[in-house]
Amino acid sequence: MGGIITDQSIFKAYDIRGTYPEQINGNVAYGIGQTFCRLVGNGSRVCIARDVRLSGPELRENLLAGLSGSSLEISEIGVVPTPVIYFALVKYGFDGGIMITASHNPPEWNGFKIYGKSGAPIGMGSGLEKMRDTVFKLAPVAKLEPAATKDISQKVLRAYLGSLLNNSSMKCDLSVGIDPGNGSYSKIAAKAFRKKGIEVHAINNTPDGSFPSRPPEPKPEALSALKDLVIEKGLDFGIAFDADGDRGIFVDGKGQALRGDVAFAVFAMQMLKKGDKAVFEVSCTDAVREAILANGGVPVMVPVGRTNMLAAMSGEKARIGGEISGHTYFSETFGGDDALFSGLKMADLISESGESLTKLLSRINRYELTSMEIDVDEEAKFMIISKIKEKFSKDKNAIAIDGIKVRSTNGWFLLRASNTSSKIRLLAEAKTKAGLESLLKEAKAELHAAIGSL
């Protein structure tokens, strides 16, 4: 018998996500609300929020209808970046929460990030699979009226900004360009930088869920306007945010957009003290590990994914954490990823050092790194990686914490199955272009051999 939700593909490794209204719609939101009640338990205190996407109001209303009739105490934070709901969950000790967002996906997408007690992310293996199995059993019913909620948006936003500024208190005589991309940090980020005494030049700074200025994902090739702004105004640096504000991409004074792991190496070089732990995911450049060790820090490598990063930040009591995609984690933000705090902290580091971001970058080793995706059958992708892992199982230069990462004198290559699509991701890094070509050739040969053996 068909339920109110029929497309299982919307349940990803870390969240629920799909196109609106084909995959994500009012029925889905209603079902998520009903199953969330069962997940957190009767009498729980929960909060919900959403980003700027145009489908957000409808999904919110139907989500609240799904939550209706429960004994939950529901607070709303309104339209905010994802780091704000994470802050609220941890600071105020909520038993759970839901952020309506598709993060960096295109405008026609939307979805749900699910949280447990005090901000613990709910993904596959930590409860999301139970929600999925339950929601597909729900039969169509007449929807209830939306549940009553308490608006705590102003209180939370004031506390959030206060916390960021208290943990980044240095007044900075800098000039910065910001590009929220019409996303959830529009207006908010500029306000925070100005409170630090920073001269702010903002573009795409009006919330608009159609994202008219650029795609929600701040890829370097989409940031030409910010690069031009930094160069034309002679700014110290720029930062672009994704739609829900949990990742940020920096632009240095020369207008160069930095990969997330390269920017993270700067944080590691400037922030760490002897014994501090720093968490990074397996696809990051070797420059990250080198920067950590140079300061006497302790490097902790983990599998790709926010759930893994948060768990390691907490379990290792790490000082900072970083991903190649631009997510940066700090102990000051309860171990969470916060692109606005990342920007404020970068301003501090530049002021403290008395040197430009470009100068700080000159101390970071830079290697040739490339990535690509190979389309494969969804059911075969993990078997393919298992075959390659088996071959390298006795190789002391191979790391198998997420896919297989193989080191050689040239550098390294990484092959891993995507958690969100029918693809295998290939990354390779070397000191020279010739070395990179050699590694790519080797990695592709291993991949084709594994595919051919199935």
Protein backbone atom coordinates (compact mmCIF):
# COMPACT_ATOMS: atom_id res chain seq x y z
CA MET A 1 0.00 0.00 0.00
CA GLY A 2 1.42 3.40 -0.97
CA GLY A 3 2.28 5.86 1.77
CA ILE A 4 2.42 9.63 1.75
CA ILE A 5 6.10 9.43 0.68
CA THR A 6 7.29 7.12 -2.09
CA ASP A 7 10.78 8.30 -3.09
CA GLN A 8 13.41 6.76 -0.83
CA SER A 9 16.26 8.55 -2.62
CA ILE A 10 15.54 11.75 -0.68
CA PHE A 11 17.06 10.14 2.43
CA LYS A 12 20.79 10.82 2.10
CA ALA A 13 23.69 9.86 4.35
CA TYR A 14 23.45 13.01 6.46
CA ASP A 15 20.06 14.59 5.76
CA ILE A 16 16.87 14.57 3.66
CA ARG A 17 17.12 16.39 0.35
CA GLY A 18 15.52 16.59 -3.11
CA THR A 19 13.86 18.77 -5.73
CA TYR A 20 10.69 20.73 -4.96
CA PRO A 21 7.87 19.82 -5.43
CA GLU A 22 8.61 16.51 -7.18
CA GLN A 23 10.58 14.94 -4.31
CA ILE A 24 10.29 17.35 -1.40
CA ASN A 25 6.80 18.76 -0.80
CA GLY A 26 4.10 19.29 1.82
CA ASN A 27 3.42 15.56 2.17
CA VAL A 28 7.08 14.88 2.86
CA ALA A 29 7.22 17.69 5.43
CA TYR A 30 4.10 16.37 7.14
CA GLY A 31 5.56 12.86 7.31
CA ILE A 32 8.85 14.15 8.67
CA GLY A 33 6.97 15.99 11.41
CA GLN A 34 5.04 12.89 12.43
CA THR A 35 8.11 10.63 12.55
CA PHE A 36 10.22 13.27 14.31
CA CYS A 37 7.75 13.24 17.21
CA ARG A 38 8.43 9.54 17.67
CA LEU A 39 12.18 10.02 17.38
CA VAL A 40 12.58 12.61 20.14
CA GLY A 41 9.83 11.34 22.45
CA ASN A 42 6.84 12.83 24.23
CA GLY A 43 7.34 16.03 26.19
CA SER A 44 10.55 16.96 24.37
CA ARG A 45 11.65 20.53 23.77
CA VAL A 46 12.46 21.08 20.10
CA CYS A 47 13.17 23.96 17.74
CA ILE A 48 12.79 24.48 14.02
CA ALA A 49 14.18 26.98 11.52
CA ARG A 50 14.52 27.42 7.76
CA ASP A 51 16.70 29.08 5.19
CA VAL A 52 15.59 31.58 2.53
CA ARG A 53 14.33 29.13 -0.11
CA LEU A 54 10.98 30.00 -1.67
CA SER A 55 9.48 26.61 -0.78
CA GLY A 56 10.39 27.10 2.89
CA PRO A 57 7.08 28.61 4.11
CA GLU A 58 5.00 25.75 2.70
CA LEU A 59 7.33 23.10 4.11
CA ARG A 60 7.34 24.82 7.50
CA GLU A 61 3.54 24.89 7.66
CA ASN A 62 3.23 21.21 6.75
CA LEU A 63 6.05 20.22 9.09
CA LEU A 64 4.22 21.95 11.95
CA ALA A 65 1.03 20.15 10.92
CA GLY A 66 2.90 16.87 11.25
CA LEU A 67 4.10 17.93 14.70
CA SER A 68 0.55 18.87 15.74
CA GLY A 69 -1.19 16.69 18.29
CA SER A 70 2.08 15.77 19.97
CA SER A 71 3.17 16.83 23.43
CA LEU A 72 6.26 18.55 22.09
CA GLU A 73 7.20 22.04 23.20
CA ILE A 74 8.11 23.71 19.89
CA SER A 75 10.19 26.86 19.49
CA GLU A 76 10.82 28.63 16.19
CA ILE A 77 13.93 30.57 15.23
CA GLY A 78 12.66 31.81 11.86
CA VAL A 79 14.80 32.35 8.77
CA VAL A 80 18.42 31.92 9.88
CA PRO A 81 21.68 30.26 8.81
CA THR A 82 22.18 26.64 9.89
CA PRO A 83 24.90 27.60 12.44
CA VAL A 84 22.26 29.58 14.36
CA ILE A 85 19.99 26.59 14.95
CA TYR A 86 23.01 24.51 15.94
CA PHE A 87 23.99 27.23 18.42
CA ALA A 88 20.46 27.26 19.86
CA LEU A 89 20.28 23.47 20.16
CA VAL A 90 23.49 23.31 22.16
CA LYS A 91 23.22 26.52 24.22
CA TYR A 92 19.62 26.00 25.30
CA GLY A 93 19.76 22.20 25.60
CA PHE A 94 16.95 21.34 23.19
CA ASP A 95 16.06 17.67 22.80
CA GLY A 96 15.99 17.97 19.01
CA GLY A 97 15.51 20.24 16.05
CA ILE A 98 14.84 20.49 12.33
CA MET A 99 16.43 22.89 9.86
CA ILE A 100 14.51 23.23 6.58
CA THR A 101 17.29 23.65 4.02
CA ALA A 102 18.99 22.09 1.03
CA SER A 103 22.29 23.70 2.02
CA HIS A 104 24.29 24.54 -1.12
CA ASN A 105 22.00 22.78 -3.63
CA PRO A 106 20.30 24.74 -6.48
CA PRO A 107 17.21 26.92 -5.82
CA GLU A 108 14.69 24.24 -6.84
CA TRP A 109 15.93 21.95 -4.05
CA ASN A 110 14.94 21.82 -0.40
CA GLY A 111 15.18 19.39 2.48
CA PHE A 112 15.62 18.79 6.19
CA LYS A 113 18.57 18.52 8.54
CA ILE A 114 17.56 16.55 11.62
CA TYR A 115 19.14 16.99 15.05
CA GLY A 116 18.90 15.09 18.31
CA LYS A 117 19.68 16.18 21.83
CA SER A 118 21.94 19.22 22.12
CA GLY A 119 22.63 19.37 18.39
CA ALA A 120 23.67 15.78 17.72
CA PRO A 121 23.19 15.28 13.94
CA ILE A 122 20.82 12.48 12.92
CA GLY A 123 22.12 10.68 9.85
CA MET A 124 22.21 7.16 8.50
CA GLY A 125 23.44 4.95 11.30
CA SER A 126 22.33 7.35 14.01
CA GLY A 127 18.56 7.31 13.54
CA LEU A 128 17.77 8.67 10.08
CA GLU A 129 17.29 5.17 8.70
CA LYS A 130 14.61 4.56 11.35
CA MET A 131 12.84 7.76 10.34
CA ARG A 132 12.98 6.64 6.71
CA ASP A 133 11.55 3.21 7.45
CA THR A 134 8.78 4.68 9.62
CA VAL A 135 7.78 7.46 7.25
CA PHE A 136 7.26 5.08 4.34
CA LYS A 137 4.66 3.19 6.37
CA LEU A 138 2.54 6.28 6.99
CA ALA A 139 -0.76 6.20 5.13
CA PRO A 140 -2.31 9.38 3.66
CA VAL A 141 -4.47 11.17 6.23
CA ALA A 142 -6.29 14.48 6.53
CA LYS A 143 -3.69 16.97 7.73
CA LEU A 144 -4.03 18.67 11.08
CA GLU A 145 -3.66 22.38 11.74
CA PRO A 146 -0.06 23.52 12.34
CA ALA A 147 1.16 23.03 15.89
CA ALA A 148 1.45 26.03 18.20
CA THR A 149 4.98 27.39 18.54
CA LYS A 150 6.95 29.95 20.50
CA ASP A 151 8.96 32.53 18.55
CA ILE A 152 12.46 32.83 20.04
CA SER A 153 14.14 34.18 16.89
CA GLN A 154 15.24 37.57 18.22
CA LYS A 155 16.50 36.16 21.51
CA VAL A 156 18.54 33.45 19.78
CA LEU A 157 19.99 35.72 17.10
CA ARG A 158 21.13 38.27 19.70
CA ALA A 159 22.74 35.56 21.79
CA TYR A 160 24.37 33.98 18.73
CA LEU A 161 25.96 37.21 17.51
CA GLY A 162 27.04 38.08 21.03
CA SER A 163 28.73 34.72 21.41
CA LEU A 164 30.60 35.04 18.09
CA LEU A 165 31.85 38.52 18.92
CA ASN A 166 32.84 37.56 22.46
CA ASN A 167 34.96 34.74 21.06
CA SER A 168 36.38 37.01 18.37
CA SER A 169 36.72 40.20 20.36
CA MET A 170 39.65 41.94 18.70
CA LYS A 171 38.74 45.18 16.99
CA CYS A 172 40.13 45.01 13.47
CA ASP A 173 41.21 47.91 11.27
CA LEU A 174 40.50 45.94 8.12
CA SER A 175 38.32 46.17 5.03
CA VAL A 176 36.45 43.05 3.96
CA GLY A 177 34.19 42.05 1.09
CA ILE A 178 31.31 39.70 1.81
CA ASP A 179 29.03 37.81 -0.57
CA PRO A 180 26.12 36.01 1.13
CA GLY A 181 24.77 35.09 -2.32
CA ASN A 182 21.28 36.30 -1.27
CA GLY A 183 21.29 33.47 1.27
CA SER A 184 20.65 33.23 4.99
CA TYR A 185 23.65 35.33 6.06
CA SER A 186 22.36 38.35 4.12
CA LYS A 187 22.38 41.39 6.46
CA ILE A 188 23.50 39.28 9.45
CA ALA A 189 27.13 38.80 8.39
CA ALA A 190 27.66 42.47 7.50
CA LYS A 191 26.31 43.48 10.91
CA ALA A 192 28.73 41.17 12.72
CA PHE A 193 31.80 42.38 10.82
CA ARG A 194 30.87 46.02 11.39
CA LYS A 195 30.52 45.41 15.12
CA LYS A 196 34.21 44.43 15.06
CA GLY A 197 35.05 47.80 13.55
CA ILE A 198 35.67 46.29 10.11
CA GLU A 199 34.88 48.25 6.96
CA VAL A 200 32.41 46.09 5.05
CA HIS A 201 31.68 46.05 1.33
CA ALA A 202 28.75 43.73 0.71
CA ILE A 203 27.26 42.35 -2.50
CA ASN A 204 24.26 40.05 -3.00
CA ASN A 205 23.22 41.00 0.50
CA THR A 206 19.41 40.83 0.28
CA PRO A 207 17.68 37.54 1.23
CA ASP A 208 16.15 36.01 -1.90
CA GLY A 209 15.39 32.31 -2.22
CA SER A 210 15.51 32.45 -6.00
CA PHE A 211 19.26 33.19 -5.68
CA PRO A 212 19.38 35.70 -8.58
CA SER A 213 23.04 36.68 -8.18
CA ARG A 214 24.91 33.37 -8.24
CA PRO A 215 24.37 29.67 -7.41
CA PRO A 216 23.87 28.81 -3.71
CA GLU A 217 27.18 26.93 -3.70
CA PRO A 218 30.14 29.36 -3.57
CA LYS A 219 32.36 27.62 -6.08
CA PRO A 220 35.41 29.70 -7.09
CA GLU A 221 34.17 30.08 -10.66
CA ALA A 222 30.92 31.64 -9.35
CA LEU A 223 32.69 34.32 -7.31
CA SER A 224 33.91 36.67 -10.04
CA ALA A 225 31.96 39.60 -8.57
CA LEU A 226 33.54 39.14 -5.14
CA LYS A 227 37.02 38.72 -6.64
CA ASP A 228 36.57 41.93 -8.62
CA LEU A 229 35.29 43.76 -5.55
CA VAL A 230 38.32 42.76 -3.46
CA ILE A 231 40.75 43.87 -6.16
CA GLU A 232 38.96 47.12 -7.12
CA LYS A 233 38.53 48.27 -3.52
CA GLY A 234 41.92 47.01 -2.33
CA LEU A 235 40.27 44.95 0.43
CA ASP A 236 42.13 42.73 2.89
CA PHE A 237 40.06 39.68 1.97
CA GLY A 238 36.64 38.50 0.93
CA ILE A 239 34.38 35.68 2.02
CA ALA A 240 31.42 34.07 0.22
CA PHE A 241 28.81 32.00 2.03
CA ASP A 242 26.65 29.15 0.82
CA ALA A 243 22.85 29.38 1.06
CA ASP A 244 22.55 28.19 4.66
CA GLY A 245 25.82 29.62 5.93
CA ASP A 246 27.72 26.60 7.17
CA ARG A 247 30.47 26.86 4.58
CA GLY A 248 32.55 29.83 3.50
CA ILE A 249 35.08 30.36 0.71
CA PHE A 250 37.81 32.97 1.17
CA VAL A 251 39.24 35.29 -1.46
CA ASP A 252 42.66 36.79 -0.73
CA GLY A 253 43.79 40.34 -1.52
CA LYS A 254 44.87 39.31 -5.01
CA GLY A 255 41.40 38.01 -5.83
CA GLN A 256 42.32 34.35 -5.57
CA ALA A 257 39.59 32.03 -4.23
CA LEU A 258 40.95 29.49 -1.77
CA ARG A 259 39.92 25.87 -1.46
CA GLY A 260 38.50 25.14 1.96
CA ASP A 261 41.41 22.95 3.04
CA VAL A 262 43.98 25.59 2.03
CA ALA A 263 42.20 28.22 4.14
CA PHE A 264 42.02 25.68 6.97
CA ALA A 265 45.80 25.23 6.79
CA VAL A 266 46.09 28.97 7.54
CA PHE A 267 43.88 28.55 10.62
CA ALA A 268 45.99 25.59 11.74
CA MET A 269 49.25 27.50 11.23
CA GLN A 270 48.06 30.57 13.15
CA MET A 271 45.80 29.13 15.88
CA LEU A 272 47.23 25.87 17.13
CA LYS A 273 49.47 25.44 20.14
CA LYS A 274 51.46 22.41 21.19
CA GLY A 275 49.15 19.50 21.95
CA ASP A 276 46.06 21.03 20.33
CA LYS A 277 44.13 18.55 18.21
CA ALA A 278 42.93 19.44 14.73
CA VAL A 279 40.43 17.33 12.79
CA PHE A 280 40.44 17.13 8.99
CA GLU A 281 38.81 14.85 6.46
CA VAL A 282 40.64 12.35 4.31
CA SER A 283 40.53 14.34 1.06
CA CYS A 284 42.37 17.39 2.41
CA THR A 285 45.73 18.48 1.03
CA ASP A 286 48.91 17.31 2.78
CA ALA A 287 49.53 20.96 3.56
CA VAL A 288 46.92 20.69 6.33
CA ARG A 289 48.77 17.93 8.16
CA GLU A 290 52.07 19.77 7.69
CA ALA A 291 50.66 23.01 9.14
CA ILE A 292 49.25 21.16 12.15
CA LEU A 293 52.52 19.37 12.89
CA ALA A 294 54.60 22.52 12.40
CA ASN A 295 52.85 24.07 15.41
CA GLY A 296 53.12 20.97 17.59
CA GLY A 297 49.47 20.12 16.98
CA VAL A 298 47.99 16.65 16.78
CA PRO A 299 46.42 15.78 13.39
CA VAL A 300 43.24 13.65 13.41
CA MET A 301 42.07 12.33 10.03
CA VAL A 302 38.42 11.26 9.68
CA PRO A 303 36.02 10.13 6.93
CA VAL A 304 34.26 12.76 4.84
CA GLY A 305 31.01 14.17 6.26
CA ARG A 306 29.73 16.62 8.85
CA THR A 307 28.56 13.83 11.16
CA ASN A 308 32.09 12.42 11.29
CA MET A 309 33.63 15.85 11.80
CA LEU A 310 31.29 16.77 14.67
CA ALA A 311 31.85 13.42 16.37
CA ALA A 312 35.62 13.82 16.15
CA MET A 313 35.55 17.46 17.28
CA SER A 314 33.64 16.38 20.38
CA GLY A 315 35.34 13.03 21.04
CA GLU A 316 38.86 14.35 20.52
CA LYS A 317 38.17 17.69 22.22
CA ALA A 318 39.70 19.28 19.15
CA ARG A 319 40.57 22.95 18.79
CA ILE A 320 39.64 23.25 15.11
CA GLY A 321 38.47 21.13 12.19
CA GLY A 322 38.25 21.58 8.44
CA GLU A 323 36.98 20.16 5.17
CA ILE A 324 38.03 20.69 1.57
CA SER A 325 34.53 22.04 0.83
CA GLY A 326 34.88 25.10 3.08
CA HIS A 327 33.30 23.85 6.31
CA THR A 328 35.45 24.97 9.25
CA TYR A 329 34.79 23.87 12.85
CA PHE A 330 35.83 25.62 16.06
CA SER A 331 35.74 24.75 19.74
CA GLU A 332 34.27 28.22 20.36
CA THR A 333 31.19 27.32 18.28
CA PHE A 334 30.51 24.14 20.27
CA GLY A 335 32.59 22.19 17.75
CA GLY A 336 30.25 23.13 14.91
CA ASP A 337 30.94 24.54 11.45
CA ASP A 338 30.20 28.24 11.19
CA ALA A 339 31.27 30.26 8.16
CA LEU A 340 30.59 33.63 9.80
CA PHE A 341 32.81 32.81 12.77
CA SER A 342 35.40 31.55 10.29
CA GLY A 343 35.41 34.99 8.63
CA LEU A 344 35.59 36.84 11.94
CA LYS A 345 38.43 34.60 13.10
CA MET A 346 40.36 35.14 9.88
CA ALA A 347 40.13 38.88 10.50
CA ASP A 348 41.59 38.32 13.98
CA LEU A 349 44.48 36.26 12.63
CA ILE A 350 45.37 38.85 10.00
CA SER A 351 45.27 41.65 12.60
CA GLU A 352 47.31 39.67 15.12
CA SER A 353 49.98 38.74 12.59
CA GLY A 354 50.18 42.15 10.96
CA GLU A 355 50.44 40.34 7.63
CA SER A 356 48.07 39.98 4.71
CA LEU A 357 46.19 36.79 3.95
CA THR A 358 48.32 36.46 0.80
CA LYS A 359 51.47 36.62 2.94
CA LEU A 360 50.13 34.03 5.37
CA LEU A 361 49.31 31.77 2.44
CA SER A 362 52.90 31.99 1.22
CA ARG A 363 53.93 29.92 4.24
CA ILE A 364 51.56 27.09 3.31
CA ASN A 365 52.91 24.39 1.01
CA ARG A 366 50.88 24.24 -2.18
CA TYR A 367 50.58 21.08 -4.23
CA GLU A 368 48.95 20.02 -7.47
CA LEU A 369 45.52 18.61 -6.58
CA THR A 370 42.67 17.58 -8.82
CA SER A 371 39.34 15.81 -8.41
CA MET A 372 36.79 14.16 -10.66
CA GLU A 373 33.66 12.05 -10.45
CA ILE A 374 33.01 8.78 -12.28
CA ASP A 375 29.42 7.66 -12.89
CA VAL A 376 28.78 4.09 -11.74
CA ASP A 377 25.80 1.93 -10.90
CA GLU A 378 24.38 2.85 -7.48
CA GLU A 379 24.34 -0.76 -6.30
CA ALA A 380 27.90 -1.37 -7.49
CA LYS A 381 29.75 1.68 -6.13
CA PHE A 382 30.56 0.23 -2.71
CA MET A 383 31.49 -3.17 -4.18
CA ILE A 384 33.94 -1.44 -6.52
CA ILE A 385 35.64 0.33 -3.62
CA SER A 386 35.70 -2.92 -1.62
CA LYS A 387 37.56 -4.61 -4.47
CA ILE A 388 40.22 -1.89 -4.48
CA LYS A 389 40.47 -1.96 -0.69
CA GLU A 390 41.03 -5.71 -0.83
CA LYS A 391 43.94 -5.28 -3.23
CA PHE A 392 45.64 -2.71 -0.99
CA SER A 393 44.73 -4.37 2.32
CA LYS A 394 48.35 -5.25 3.13
CA ASP A 395 49.88 -2.06 1.79
CA LYS A 396 51.26 -0.01 4.68
CA ASN A 397 50.92 3.13 2.54
CA ALA A 398 47.16 2.68 2.12
CA ILE A 399 44.55 4.27 4.41
CA ALA A 400 41.06 2.77 4.37
CA ILE A 401 39.05 4.97 6.74
CA ASP A 402 36.89 6.29 3.87
CA GLY A 403 37.31 4.56 0.55
CA ILE A 404 40.98 3.92 -0.10
CA LYS A 405 43.79 6.49 0.00
CA VAL A 406 47.07 5.26 -1.45
CA ARG A 407 50.34 7.13 -0.89
CA SER A 408 53.47 6.92 -3.03
CA THR A 409 56.63 8.92 -3.61
CA ASN A 410 54.65 11.11 -6.03
CA GLY A 411 51.89 11.97 -3.57
CA TRP A 412 48.55 10.22 -3.10
CA PHE A 413 45.25 9.29 -4.71
CA LEU A 414 41.89 8.70 -3.05
CA LEU A 415 38.98 6.65 -4.38
CA ARG A 416 35.72 6.73 -2.43
CA ALA A 417 32.05 6.09 -3.10
CA SER A 418 29.82 9.16 -2.94
CA ASN A 419 27.32 9.12 -0.09
CA THR A 420 24.81 11.22 -2.04
CA SER A 421 25.00 10.13 -5.69
CA SER A 422 25.80 7.21 -8.03
CA LYS A 423 29.41 8.21 -8.41
CA ILE A 424 32.91 7.35 -7.30
CA ARG A 425 35.04 10.35 -6.39
CA LEU A 426 38.70 10.41 -7.37
CA LEU A 427 41.15 12.88 -5.86
CA ALA A 428 44.89 13.00 -6.40
CA GLU A 429 47.66 15.27 -5.14
CA ALA A 430 51.32 15.53 -6.08
CA LYS A 431 54.22 17.96 -5.88
CA THR A 432 54.44 18.25 -9.67
CA LYS A 433 52.04 18.11 -12.62
CA ALA A 434 53.93 15.11 -13.99
CA GLY A 435 53.54 13.33 -10.68
CA LEU A 436 49.84 14.16 -10.65
CA GLU A 437 49.34 12.69 -14.12
CA SER A 438 51.11 9.52 -13.03
CA LEU A 439 48.89 9.15 -9.97
CA LEU A 440 45.71 9.77 -11.96
CA LYS A 441 46.74 7.11 -14.46
CA GLU A 442 47.36 4.61 -11.66
CA ALA A 443 44.07 5.42 -9.89
CA LYS A 444 42.02 5.11 -13.08
CA ALA A 445 43.67 1.76 -13.86
CA GLU A 446 42.75 0.44 -10.40
CA LEU A 447 39.20 1.69 -10.80
CA HIS A 448 38.70 0.14 -14.22
CA ALA A 449 40.18 -3.15 -13.06
CA ALA A 450 37.78 -3.26 -10.10
CA ILE A 451 34.78 -2.44 -12.30
CA GLY A 452 35.81 -5.11 -14.78
CA SER A 453 36.07 -7.76 -12.06
CA LEU A 454 32.41 -7.45 -11.02
